[in-house]
All heavy atoms as atom14 arrays in JSON, in Angstrom:
{
  "sequence": "NHRSRLPISLSRGKLRIYQKGKSLLIQSNFNLKVLYNWDDHVVIKL",
  "atom14_mask": [
    [1, 1, 1, 1, 1, 1, 1, 1, 0, 0, 0, 0, 0, 0],
    [1, 1, 1, 1, 1, 1, 1, 1, 1, 1, 0, 0, 0, 0],
    [1, 1, 1, 1, 1, 1, 1, 1, 1, 1, 1, 0, 0, 0],
    [1, 1, 1, 1, 1, 1, 0, 0, 0, 0, 0, 0, 0, 0],
    [1, 1, 1, 1, 1, 1, 1, 1, 1, 1, 1, 0, 0, 0],
    [1, 1, 1, 1, 1, 1, 1, 1, 0, 0, 0, 0, 0, 0],
    [1, 1, 1, 1, 1, 1, 1, 0, 0, 0, 0, 0, 0, 0],
    [1, 1, 1, 1, 1, 1, 1, 1, 0, 0, 0, 0, 0, 0],
    [1, 1, 1, 1, 1, 1, 0, 0, 0, 0, 0, 0, 0, 0],
    [1, 1, 1, 1, 1, 1, 1, 1, 0, 0, 0, 0, 0, 0],
    [1, 1, 1, 1, 1, 1, 0, 0, 0, 0, 0, 0, 0, 0],
    [1, 1, 1, 1, 1, 1, 1, 1, 1, 1, 1, 0, 0, 0],
    [1, 1, 1, 1, 0, 0, 0, 0, 0, 0, 0, 0, 0, 0],
    [1, 1, 1, 1, 1, 1, 1, 1, 1, 0, 0, 0, 0, 0],
    [1, 1, 1, 1, 1, 1, 1, 1, 0, 0, 0, 0, 0, 0],
    [1, 1, 1, 1, 1, 1, 1, 1, 1, 1, 1, 0, 0, 0],
    [1, 1, 1, 1, 1, 1, 1, 1, 0, 0, 0, 0, 0, 0],
    [1, 1, 1, 1, 1, 1, 1, 1, 1, 1, 1, 1, 0, 0],
    [1, 1, 1, 1, 1, 1, 1, 1, 1, 0, 0, 0, 0, 0],
    [1, 1, 1, 1, 1, 1, 1, 1, 1, 0, 0, 0, 0, 0],
    [1, 1, 1, 1, 0, 0, 0, 0, 0, 0, 0, 0, 0, 0],
    [1, 1, 1, 1, 1, 1, 1, 1, 1, 0, 0, 0, 0, 0],
    [1, 1, 1, 1, 1, 1, 0, 0, 0, 0, 0, 0, 0, 0],
    [1, 1, 1, 1, 1, 1, 1, 1, 0, 0, 0, 0, 0, 0],
    [1, 1, 1, 1, 1, 1, 1, 1, 0, 0, 0, 0, 0, 0],
    [1, 1, 1, 1, 1, 1, 1, 1, 0, 0, 0, 0, 0, 0],
    [1, 1, 1, 1, 1, 1, 1, 1, 1, 0, 0, 0, 0, 0],
    [1, 1, 1, 1, 1, 1, 0, 0, 0, 0, 0, 0, 0, 0],
    [1, 1, 1, 1, 1, 1, 1, 1, 0, 0, 0, 0, 0, 0],
    [1, 1, 1, 1, 1, 1, 1, 1, 1, 1, 1, 0, 0, 0],
    [1, 1, 1, 1, 1, 1, 1, 1, 0, 0, 0, 0, 0, 0],
    [1, 1, 1, 1, 1, 1, 1, 1, 0, 0, 0, 0, 0, 0],
    [1, 1, 1, 1, 1, 1, 1, 1, 1, 0, 0, 0, 0, 0],
    [1, 1, 1, 1, 1, 1, 1, 0, 0, 0, 0, 0, 0, 0],
    [1, 1, 1, 1, 1, 1, 1, 1, 0, 0, 0, 0, 0, 0],
    [1, 1, 1, 1, 1, 1, 1, 1, 1, 1, 1, 1, 0, 0],
    [1, 1, 1, 1, 1, 1, 1, 1, 0, 0, 0, 0, 0, 0],
    [1, 1, 1, 1, 1, 1, 1, 1, 1, 1, 1, 1, 1, 1],
    [1, 1, 1, 1, 1, 1, 1, 1, 0, 0, 0, 0, 0, 0],
    [1, 1, 1, 1, 1, 1, 1, 1, 0, 0, 0, 0, 0, 0],
    [1, 1, 1, 1, 1, 1, 1, 1, 1, 1, 0, 0, 0, 0],
    [1, 1, 1, 1, 1, 1, 1, 0, 0, 0, 0, 0, 0, 0],
    [1, 1, 1, 1, 1, 1, 1, 0, 0, 0, 0, 0, 0, 0],
    [1, 1, 1, 1, 1, 1, 1, 1, 0, 0, 0, 0, 0, 0],
    [1, 1, 1, 1, 1, 1, 1, 1, 1, 0, 0, 0, 0, 0],
    [1, 1, 1, 1, 1, 1, 1, 1, 0, 0, 0, 0, 0, 0]
  ],
  "atom14_positions": [
    [[35.68, -5.45, -1.68], [35.75, -6.49, -2.72], [36.17, -7.87, -2.24], [36.51, -8.72, -3.04], [36.65, -6.05, -3.89], [35.98, -5.01, -4.75], [34.76, -5.04, -4.94], [36.75, -4.08, -5.26], [0.0, 0.0, 0.0], [0.0, 0.0, 0.0], [0.0, 0.0, 0.0], [0.0, 0.0, 0.0], [0.0, 0.0, 0.0], [0.0, 0.0, 0.0]],
    [[36.15, -8.13, -0.94], [36.42, -9.46, -0.4], [35.14, -10.0, 0.22], [34.57, -9.36, 1.11], [37.54, -9.41, 0.65], [38.87, -9.06, 0.07], [39.3, -7.75, -0.03], [39.83, -9.84, -0.44], [40.5, -7.74, -0.6], [40.85, -9.0, -0.85], [0.0, 0.0, 0.0], [0.0, 0.0, 0.0], [0.0, 0.0, 0.0], [0.0, 0.0, 0.0]],
    [[34.71, -11.19, -0.23], [33.48, -11.78, 0.31], [33.68, -12.18, 1.76], [34.7, -12.77, 2.12], [33.08, -13.0, -0.53], [32.48, -12.6, -1.86], [32.18, -13.79, -2.72], [31.27, -14.69, -2.01], [30.29, -15.35, -2.59], [30.09, -15.21, -3.88], [29.53, -16.14, -1.9], [0.0, 0.0, 0.0], [0.0, 0.0, 0.0], [0.0, 0.0, 0.0]],
    [[32.69, -11.85, 2.58], [32.75, -12.13, 4.01], [31.4, -12.61, 4.5], [30.37, -12.14, 4.05], [33.13, -10.88, 4.79], [34.39, -10.39, 4.39], [0.0, 0.0, 0.0], [0.0, 0.0, 0.0], [0.0, 0.0, 0.0], [0.0, 0.0, 0.0], [0.0, 0.0, 0.0], [0.0, 0.0, 0.0], [0.0, 0.0, 0.0], [0.0, 0.0, 0.0]],
    [[31.44, -13.54, 5.46], [30.22, -14.01, 6.12], [29.89, -13.08, 7.28], [30.76, -12.47, 7.87], [30.41, -15.43, 6.64], [30.48, -16.47, 5.55], [29.95, -17.81, 6.06], [29.63, -18.67, 4.95], [28.47, -18.65, 4.31], [27.53, -17.84, 4.65], [28.26, -19.48, 3.3], [0.0, 0.0, 0.0], [0.0, 0.0, 0.0], [0.0, 0.0, 0.0]],
    [[28.62, -13.0, 7.59], [28.16, -12.18, 8.7], [28.21, -12.96, 10.01], [28.15, -14.17, 9.99], [26.73, -11.72, 8.43], [26.54, -10.93, 7.13], [25.1, -10.55, 6.98], [27.42, -9.71, 7.1], [0.0, 0.0, 0.0], [0.0, 0.0, 0.0], [0.0, 0.0, 0.0], [0.0, 0.0, 0.0], [0.0, 0.0, 0.0], [0.0, 0.0, 0.0]],
    [[28.29, -12.29, 11.14], [28.39, -10.85, 11.38], [29.83, -10.36, 11.25], [30.78, -11.12, 11.36], [27.89, -10.72, 12.82], [28.3, -12.01, 13.47], [28.19, -13.05, 12.39], [0.0, 0.0, 0.0], [0.0, 0.0, 0.0], [0.0, 0.0, 0.0], [0.0, 0.0, 0.0], [0.0, 0.0, 0.0], [0.0, 0.0, 0.0], [0.0, 0.0, 0.0]],
    [[29.96, -9.04, 11.05], [31.27, -8.4, 10.89], [31.27, -7.09, 11.68], [30.29, -6.36, 11.67], [31.57, -8.06, 9.41], [31.45, -9.29, 8.52], [32.94, -7.45, 9.27], [31.46, -8.95, 7.04], [0.0, 0.0, 0.0], [0.0, 0.0, 0.0], [0.0, 0.0, 0.0], [0.0, 0.0, 0.0], [0.0, 0.0, 0.0], [0.0, 0.0, 0.0]],
    [[32.39, -6.81, 12.32], [32.6, -5.52, 12.97], [33.86, -4.92, 12.34], [34.9, -5.55, 12.31], [32.78, -5.71, 14.48], [32.98, -4.46, 15.09], [0.0, 0.0, 0.0], [0.0, 0.0, 0.0], [0.0, 0.0, 0.0], [0.0, 0.0, 0.0], [0.0, 0.0, 0.0], [0.0, 0.0, 0.0], [0.0, 0.0, 0.0], [0.0, 0.0, 0.0]],
    [[33.73, -3.7, 11.81], [34.83, -3.04, 11.11], [35.18, -1.71, 11.77], [34.37, -1.14, 12.5], [34.44, -2.79, 9.65], [34.03, -4.03, 8.85], [33.35, -3.62, 7.56], [35.24, -4.89, 8.56], [0.0, 0.0, 0.0], [0.0, 0.0, 0.0], [0.0, 0.0, 0.0], [0.0, 0.0, 0.0], [0.0, 0.0, 0.0], [0.0, 0.0, 0.0]],
    [[36.35, -1.21, 11.44], [36.82, 0.1, 11.93], [36.67, 0.2, 13.45], [36.1, 1.17, 13.97], [36.06, 1.24, 11.24], [36.25, 1.2, 9.86], [0.0, 0.0, 0.0], [0.0, 0.0, 0.0], [0.0, 0.0, 0.0], [0.0, 0.0, 0.0], [0.0, 0.0, 0.0], [0.0, 0.0, 0.0], [0.0, 0.0, 0.0], [0.0, 0.0, 0.0]],
    [[37.17, -0.82, 14.13], [37.13, -0.86, 15.61], [35.71, -0.69, 16.15], [35.46, 0.04, 17.1], [38.04, 0.19, 16.2], [39.49, -0.06, 15.86], [40.39, 0.92, 16.57], [41.75, 0.7, 16.14], [42.59, 1.67, 15.85], [42.22, 2.92, 15.93], [43.82, 1.38, 15.48], [0.0, 0.0, 0.0], [0.0, 0.0, 0.0], [0.0, 0.0, 0.0]],
    [[34.76, -1.36, 15.49], [33.38, -1.34, 15.95], [32.55, -0.16, 15.47], [31.37, -0.07, 15.79], [0.0, 0.0, 0.0], [0.0, 0.0, 0.0], [0.0, 0.0, 0.0], [0.0, 0.0, 0.0], [0.0, 0.0, 0.0], [0.0, 0.0, 0.0], [0.0, 0.0, 0.0], [0.0, 0.0, 0.0], [0.0, 0.0, 0.0], [0.0, 0.0, 0.0]],
    [[33.14, 0.73, 14.67], [32.4, 1.88, 14.18], [31.4, 1.52, 13.09], [30.5, 2.29, 12.79], [33.35, 2.96, 13.68], [34.16, 3.61, 14.78], [35.09, 4.67, 14.23], [35.89, 5.31, 15.33], [36.84, 6.29, 14.8], [0.0, 0.0, 0.0], [0.0, 0.0, 0.0], [0.0, 0.0, 0.0], [0.0, 0.0, 0.0], [0.0, 0.0, 0.0]],
    [[31.58, 0.35, 12.48], [30.66, -0.13, 11.45], [30.38, -1.61, 11.73], [31.29, -2.43, 11.75], [31.3, 0.03, 10.06], [30.4, -0.23, 8.86], [29.23, 0.75, 8.83], [31.21, -0.1, 7.57], [0.0, 0.0, 0.0], [0.0, 0.0, 0.0], [0.0, 0.0, 0.0], [0.0, 0.0, 0.0], [0.0, 0.0, 0.0], [0.0, 0.0, 0.0]],
    [[29.11, -1.9, 12.0], [28.72, -3.27, 12.32], [27.74, -3.77, 11.26], [26.83, -3.05, 10.85], [28.08, -3.34, 13.71], [29.09, -3.04, 14.81], [28.46, -3.03, 16.17], [27.51, -1.93, 16.24], [26.34, -1.98, 16.88], [25.98, -3.06, 17.51], [25.54, -0.94, 16.9], [0.0, 0.0, 0.0], [0.0, 0.0, 0.0], [0.0, 0.0, 0.0]],
    [[27.96, -5.02, 10.82], [27.14, -5.61, 9.78], [26.67, -6.97, 10.27], [27.5, -7.81, 10.63], [27.95, -5.78, 8.47], [28.63, -4.46, 8.1], [27.06, -6.28, 7.35], [29.76, -4.61, 7.12], [0.0, 0.0, 0.0], [0.0, 0.0, 0.0], [0.0, 0.0, 0.0], [0.0, 0.0, 0.0], [0.0, 0.0, 0.0], [0.0, 0.0, 0.0]],
    [[25.39, -7.18, 10.3], [24.88, -8.46, 10.77], [23.52, -8.74, 10.15], [22.93, -7.89, 9.49], [24.82, -8.51, 12.3], [24.12, -7.37, 12.97], [22.78, -7.46, 13.34], [24.8, -6.19, 13.26], [22.14, -6.42, 13.97], [24.17, -5.14, 13.89], [22.83, -5.26, 14.25], [22.19, -4.21, 14.87], [0.0, 0.0, 0.0], [0.0, 0.0, 0.0]],
    [[23.06, -9.96, 10.36], [21.78, -10.38, 9.83], [20.71, -10.14, 10.89], [20.89, -10.46, 12.06], [21.81, -11.84, 9.43], [20.65, -12.22, 8.55], [20.92, -13.45, 7.72], [22.08, -13.83, 7.5], [19.88, -14.08, 7.23], [0.0, 0.0, 0.0], [0.0, 0.0, 0.0], [0.0, 0.0, 0.0], [0.0, 0.0, 0.0], [0.0, 0.0, 0.0]],
    [[19.6, -9.55, 10.48], [18.47, -9.32, 11.37], [17.26, -9.96, 10.7], [16.78, -9.44, 9.69], [18.24, -7.82, 11.58], [17.13, -7.52, 12.55], [17.05, -6.04, 12.84], [15.94, -5.81, 13.86], [15.86, -4.42, 14.23], [0.0, 0.0, 0.0], [0.0, 0.0, 0.0], [0.0, 0.0, 0.0], [0.0, 0.0, 0.0], [0.0, 0.0, 0.0]],
    [[16.85, -11.1, 11.21], [15.8, -11.87, 10.53], [16.32, -12.33, 9.19], [17.4, -12.9, 9.1], [0.0, 0.0, 0.0], [0.0, 0.0, 0.0], [0.0, 0.0, 0.0], [0.0, 0.0, 0.0], [0.0, 0.0, 0.0], [0.0, 0.0, 0.0], [0.0, 0.0, 0.0], [0.0, 0.0, 0.0], [0.0, 0.0, 0.0], [0.0, 0.0, 0.0]],
    [[15.58, -12.03, 8.12], [16.02, -12.42, 6.78], [16.74, -11.29, 6.06], [17.01, -11.37, 4.88], [14.81, -12.86, 5.96], [14.18, -14.13, 6.48], [13.03, -14.57, 5.6], [12.44, -15.87, 6.11], [11.36, -16.35, 5.26], [0.0, 0.0, 0.0], [0.0, 0.0, 0.0], [0.0, 0.0, 0.0], [0.0, 0.0, 0.0], [0.0, 0.0, 0.0]],
    [[17.05, -10.22, 6.78], [17.66, -9.04, 6.17], [19.06, -8.76, 6.7], [19.44, -9.23, 7.76], [16.78, -7.81, 6.42], [15.52, -7.95, 5.81], [0.0, 0.0, 0.0], [0.0, 0.0, 0.0], [0.0, 0.0, 0.0], [0.0, 0.0, 0.0], [0.0, 0.0, 0.0], [0.0, 0.0, 0.0], [0.0, 0.0, 0.0], [0.0, 0.0, 0.0]],
    [[19.76, -7.96, 5.94], [21.09, -7.46, 6.3], [20.9, -6.12, 6.99], [20.12, -5.28, 6.53], [21.89, -7.26, 5.01], [23.14, -6.41, 5.07], [24.24, -7.17, 5.78], [23.58, -6.02, 3.67], [0.0, 0.0, 0.0], [0.0, 0.0, 0.0], [0.0, 0.0, 0.0], [0.0, 0.0, 0.0], [0.0, 0.0, 0.0], [0.0, 0.0, 0.0]],
    [[21.6, -5.9, 8.1], [21.56, -4.61, 8.79], [22.98, -4.08, 8.9], [23.86, -4.77, 9.42], [20.92, -4.71, 10.17], [20.87, -3.41, 10.97], [20.04, -2.34, 10.25], [20.3, -3.65, 12.35], [0.0, 0.0, 0.0], [0.0, 0.0, 0.0], [0.0, 0.0, 0.0], [0.0, 0.0, 0.0], [0.0, 0.0, 0.0], [0.0, 0.0, 0.0]],
    [[23.19, -2.89, 8.39], [24.47, -2.2, 8.5], [24.24, -0.99, 9.38], [23.32, -0.2, 9.13], [25.0, -1.78, 7.12], [25.2, -3.02, 6.25], [26.28, -0.97, 7.25], [25.57, -2.73, 4.83], [0.0, 0.0, 0.0], [0.0, 0.0, 0.0], [0.0, 0.0, 0.0], [0.0, 0.0, 0.0], [0.0, 0.0, 0.0], [0.0, 0.0, 0.0]],
    [[25.05, -0.85, 10.43], [24.86, 0.22, 11.39], [26.2, 0.89, 11.68], [27.19, 0.22, 11.97], [24.26, -0.34, 12.67], [23.8, 0.71, 13.63], [22.95, 0.11, 14.75], [22.7, -1.08, 14.79], [22.52, 0.95, 15.66], [0.0, 0.0, 0.0], [0.0, 0.0, 0.0], [0.0, 0.0, 0.0], [0.0, 0.0, 0.0], [0.0, 0.0, 0.0]],
    [[26.22, 2.23, 11.57], [27.46, 2.97, 11.83], [27.41, 3.61, 13.2], [26.36, 3.7, 13.83], [27.63, 4.06, 10.76], [26.75, 5.13, 11.04], [0.0, 0.0, 0.0], [0.0, 0.0, 0.0], [0.0, 0.0, 0.0], [0.0, 0.0, 0.0], [0.0, 0.0, 0.0], [0.0, 0.0, 0.0], [0.0, 0.0, 0.0], [0.0, 0.0, 0.0]],
    [[28.57, 4.1, 13.64], [28.65, 4.76, 14.94], [27.93, 6.1, 14.97], [27.64, 6.63, 16.03], [30.11, 4.93, 15.36], [30.88, 5.83, 14.43], [30.66, 5.85, 13.22], [31.81, 6.59, 14.96], [0.0, 0.0, 0.0], [0.0, 0.0, 0.0], [0.0, 0.0, 0.0], [0.0, 0.0, 0.0], [0.0, 0.0, 0.0], [0.0, 0.0, 0.0]],
    [[27.61, 6.68, 13.8], [26.86, 7.95, 13.77], [25.38, 7.69, 13.48], [24.63, 8.6, 13.13], [27.47, 8.95, 12.79], [27.55, 8.47, 11.36], [26.5, 8.67, 10.48], [28.69, 7.82, 10.9], [26.58, 8.23, 9.16], [28.78, 7.38, 9.59], [27.73, 7.58, 8.72], [0.0, 0.0, 0.0], [0.0, 0.0, 0.0], [0.0, 0.0, 0.0]],
    [[24.94, 6.44, 13.65], [23.53, 6.03, 13.57], [22.94, 6.0, 12.17], [21.72, 6.12, 12.02], [22.64, 6.83, 14.51], [22.63, 6.21, 15.89], [22.83, 5.01, 16.05], [22.39, 7.04, 16.9], [0.0, 0.0, 0.0], [0.0, 0.0, 0.0], [0.0, 0.0, 0.0], [0.0, 0.0, 0.0], [0.0, 0.0, 0.0], [0.0, 0.0, 0.0]],
    [[23.76, 5.83, 11.14], [23.24, 5.46, 9.84], [22.85, 3.99, 9.95], [23.62, 3.17, 10.45], [24.33, 5.62, 8.75], [24.06, 4.92, 7.42], [22.91, 5.59, 6.67], [25.32, 4.92, 6.57], [0.0, 0.0, 0.0], [0.0, 0.0, 0.0], [0.0, 0.0, 0.0], [0.0, 0.0, 0.0], [0.0, 0.0, 0.0], [0.0, 0.0, 0.0]],
    [[21.63, 3.66, 9.52], [21.18, 2.27, 9.52], [20.64, 1.95, 8.13], [19.82, 2.69, 7.6], [20.08, 2.05, 10.57], [20.54, 2.29, 11.97], [19.4, 2.14, 12.96], [19.88, 2.46, 14.36], [18.81, 2.42, 15.34], [0.0, 0.0, 0.0], [0.0, 0.0, 0.0], [0.0, 0.0, 0.0], [0.0, 0.0, 0.0], [0.0, 0.0, 0.0]],
    [[21.14, 0.85, 7.56], [20.68, 0.41, 6.25], [20.22, -1.03, 6.39], [20.98, -1.9, 6.82], [21.8, 0.51, 5.19], [21.28, 0.05, 3.83], [22.32, 1.94, 5.1], [0.0, 0.0, 0.0], [0.0, 0.0, 0.0], [0.0, 0.0, 0.0], [0.0, 0.0, 0.0], [0.0, 0.0, 0.0], [0.0, 0.0, 0.0], [0.0, 0.0, 0.0]],
    [[18.98, -1.28, 6.03], [18.39, -2.61, 6.08], [18.09, -3.04, 4.66], [17.44, -2.3, 3.91], [17.1, -2.57, 6.92], [16.47, -3.88, 7.32], [17.34, -4.6, 8.35], [15.07, -3.62, 7.9], [0.0, 0.0, 0.0], [0.0, 0.0, 0.0], [0.0, 0.0, 0.0], [0.0, 0.0, 0.0], [0.0, 0.0, 0.0], [0.0, 0.0, 0.0]],
    [[18.57, -4.21, 4.26], [18.36, -4.72, 2.89], [18.01, -6.19, 2.98], [18.69, -6.96, 3.66], [19.63, -4.5, 2.06], [19.6, -5.12, 0.69], [18.56, -4.87, -0.19], [20.63, -5.95, 0.27], [18.55, -5.44, -1.46], [20.62, -6.51, -1.0], [19.58, -6.26, -1.86], [19.56, -6.82, -3.1], [0.0, 0.0, 0.0], [0.0, 0.0, 0.0]],
    [[16.96, -6.6, 2.27], [16.49, -7.98, 2.37], [17.09, -8.91, 1.3], [16.56, -9.99, 1.07], [14.96, -8.04, 2.32], [14.39, -7.71, 0.95], [15.1, -7.22, 0.07], [13.12, -7.96, 0.77], [0.0, 0.0, 0.0], [0.0, 0.0, 0.0], [0.0, 0.0, 0.0], [0.0, 0.0, 0.0], [0.0, 0.0, 0.0], [0.0, 0.0, 0.0]],
    [[18.18, -8.52, 0.69], [18.85, -9.28, -0.38], [17.92, -9.54, -1.55], [18.09, -10.48, -2.3], [19.41, -10.61, 0.13], [20.7, -10.49, 0.86], [21.92, -10.16, 0.31], [20.95, -10.7, 2.24], [22.88, -10.13, 1.28], [22.32, -10.48, 2.48], [20.14, -11.06, 3.31], [22.9, -10.6, 3.72], [20.71, -11.18, 4.55], [22.07, -10.96, 4.75]],
    [[16.91, -8.68, -1.72], [15.98, -8.87, -2.82], [15.52, -7.52, -3.38], [16.2, -6.96, -4.21], [14.78, -9.73, -2.37], [13.86, -10.1, -3.51], [14.31, -10.05, -4.68], [12.69, -10.43, -3.26], [0.0, 0.0, 0.0], [0.0, 0.0, 0.0], [0.0, 0.0, 0.0], [0.0, 0.0, 0.0], [0.0, 0.0, 0.0], [0.0, 0.0, 0.0]],
    [[14.41, -6.99, -2.88], [13.83, -5.81, -3.51], [13.4, -4.72, -2.52], [12.59, -3.87, -2.86], [12.63, -6.22, -4.37], [11.48, -6.77, -3.53], [11.67, -6.99, -2.32], [10.39, -6.98, -4.09], [0.0, 0.0, 0.0], [0.0, 0.0, 0.0], [0.0, 0.0, 0.0], [0.0, 0.0, 0.0], [0.0, 0.0, 0.0], [0.0, 0.0, 0.0]],
    [[13.96, -4.73, -1.32], [13.53, -3.76, -0.32], [14.73, -3.21, 0.45], [15.52, -3.97, 0.98], [12.54, -4.43, 0.65], [11.74, -3.46, 1.45], [10.66, -2.8, 0.96], [11.89, -3.03, 2.73], [10.15, -2.02, 1.9], [10.89, -2.14, 2.98], [0.0, 0.0, 0.0], [0.0, 0.0, 0.0], [0.0, 0.0, 0.0], [0.0, 0.0, 0.0]],
    [[14.85, -1.87, 0.5], [15.92, -1.19, 1.22], [15.28, -0.14, 2.13], [14.38, 0.59, 1.69], [16.9, -0.46, 0.26], [17.95, 0.32, 1.03], [17.55, -1.44, -0.68], [0.0, 0.0, 0.0], [0.0, 0.0, 0.0], [0.0, 0.0, 0.0], [0.0, 0.0, 0.0], [0.0, 0.0, 0.0], [0.0, 0.0, 0.0], [0.0, 0.0, 0.0]],
    [[15.72, -0.06, 3.37], [15.29, 0.98, 4.29], [16.55, 1.67, 4.81], [17.5, 1.0, 5.23], [14.49, 0.41, 5.48], [14.12, 1.53, 6.46], [13.25, -0.32, 5.0], [0.0, 0.0, 0.0], [0.0, 0.0, 0.0], [0.0, 0.0, 0.0], [0.0, 0.0, 0.0], [0.0, 0.0, 0.0], [0.0, 0.0, 0.0], [0.0, 0.0, 0.0]],
    [[16.57, 3.01, 4.76], [17.7, 3.79, 5.27], [17.17, 4.7, 6.36], [16.19, 5.42, 6.16], [18.35, 4.64, 4.16], [18.82, 3.76, 3.0], [19.5, 5.47, 4.73], [19.22, 4.55, 1.78], [0.0, 0.0, 0.0], [0.0, 0.0, 0.0], [0.0, 0.0, 0.0], [0.0, 0.0, 0.0], [0.0, 0.0, 0.0], [0.0, 0.0, 0.0]],
    [[17.84, 4.67, 7.52], [17.49, 5.58, 8.61], [18.71, 6.44, 8.9], [19.83, 5.94, 8.99], [17.11, 4.8, 9.87], [15.78, 4.11, 9.75], [15.41, 3.43, 11.06], [14.05, 2.81, 10.96], [13.01, 3.61, 11.57], [0.0, 0.0, 0.0], [0.0, 0.0, 0.0], [0.0, 0.0, 0.0], [0.0, 0.0, 0.0], [0.0, 0.0, 0.0]],
    [[18.46, 7.74, 9.03], [19.51, 8.71, 9.37], [19.07, 9.49, 10.6], [17.89, 9.79, 10.75], [19.7, 9.73, 8.24], [20.44, 9.27, 7.0], [20.48, 10.42, 5.99], [21.84, 8.83, 7.33], [0.0, 0.0, 0.0], [0.0, 0.0, 0.0], [0.0, 0.0, 0.0], [0.0, 0.0, 0.0], [0.0, 0.0, 0.0], [0.0, 0.0, 0.0]]
  ]
}
């Protein structure tokens, strides 16, 4: 619930959040990847 600018590394690098092109990429240490374009498209890789 606290607004933050990208990029961000959390939990000692176990969760990384950054911008990739025009989209947001969230990547965990167990290889969950979530890509969201801040509009109408979400891609989840497990």
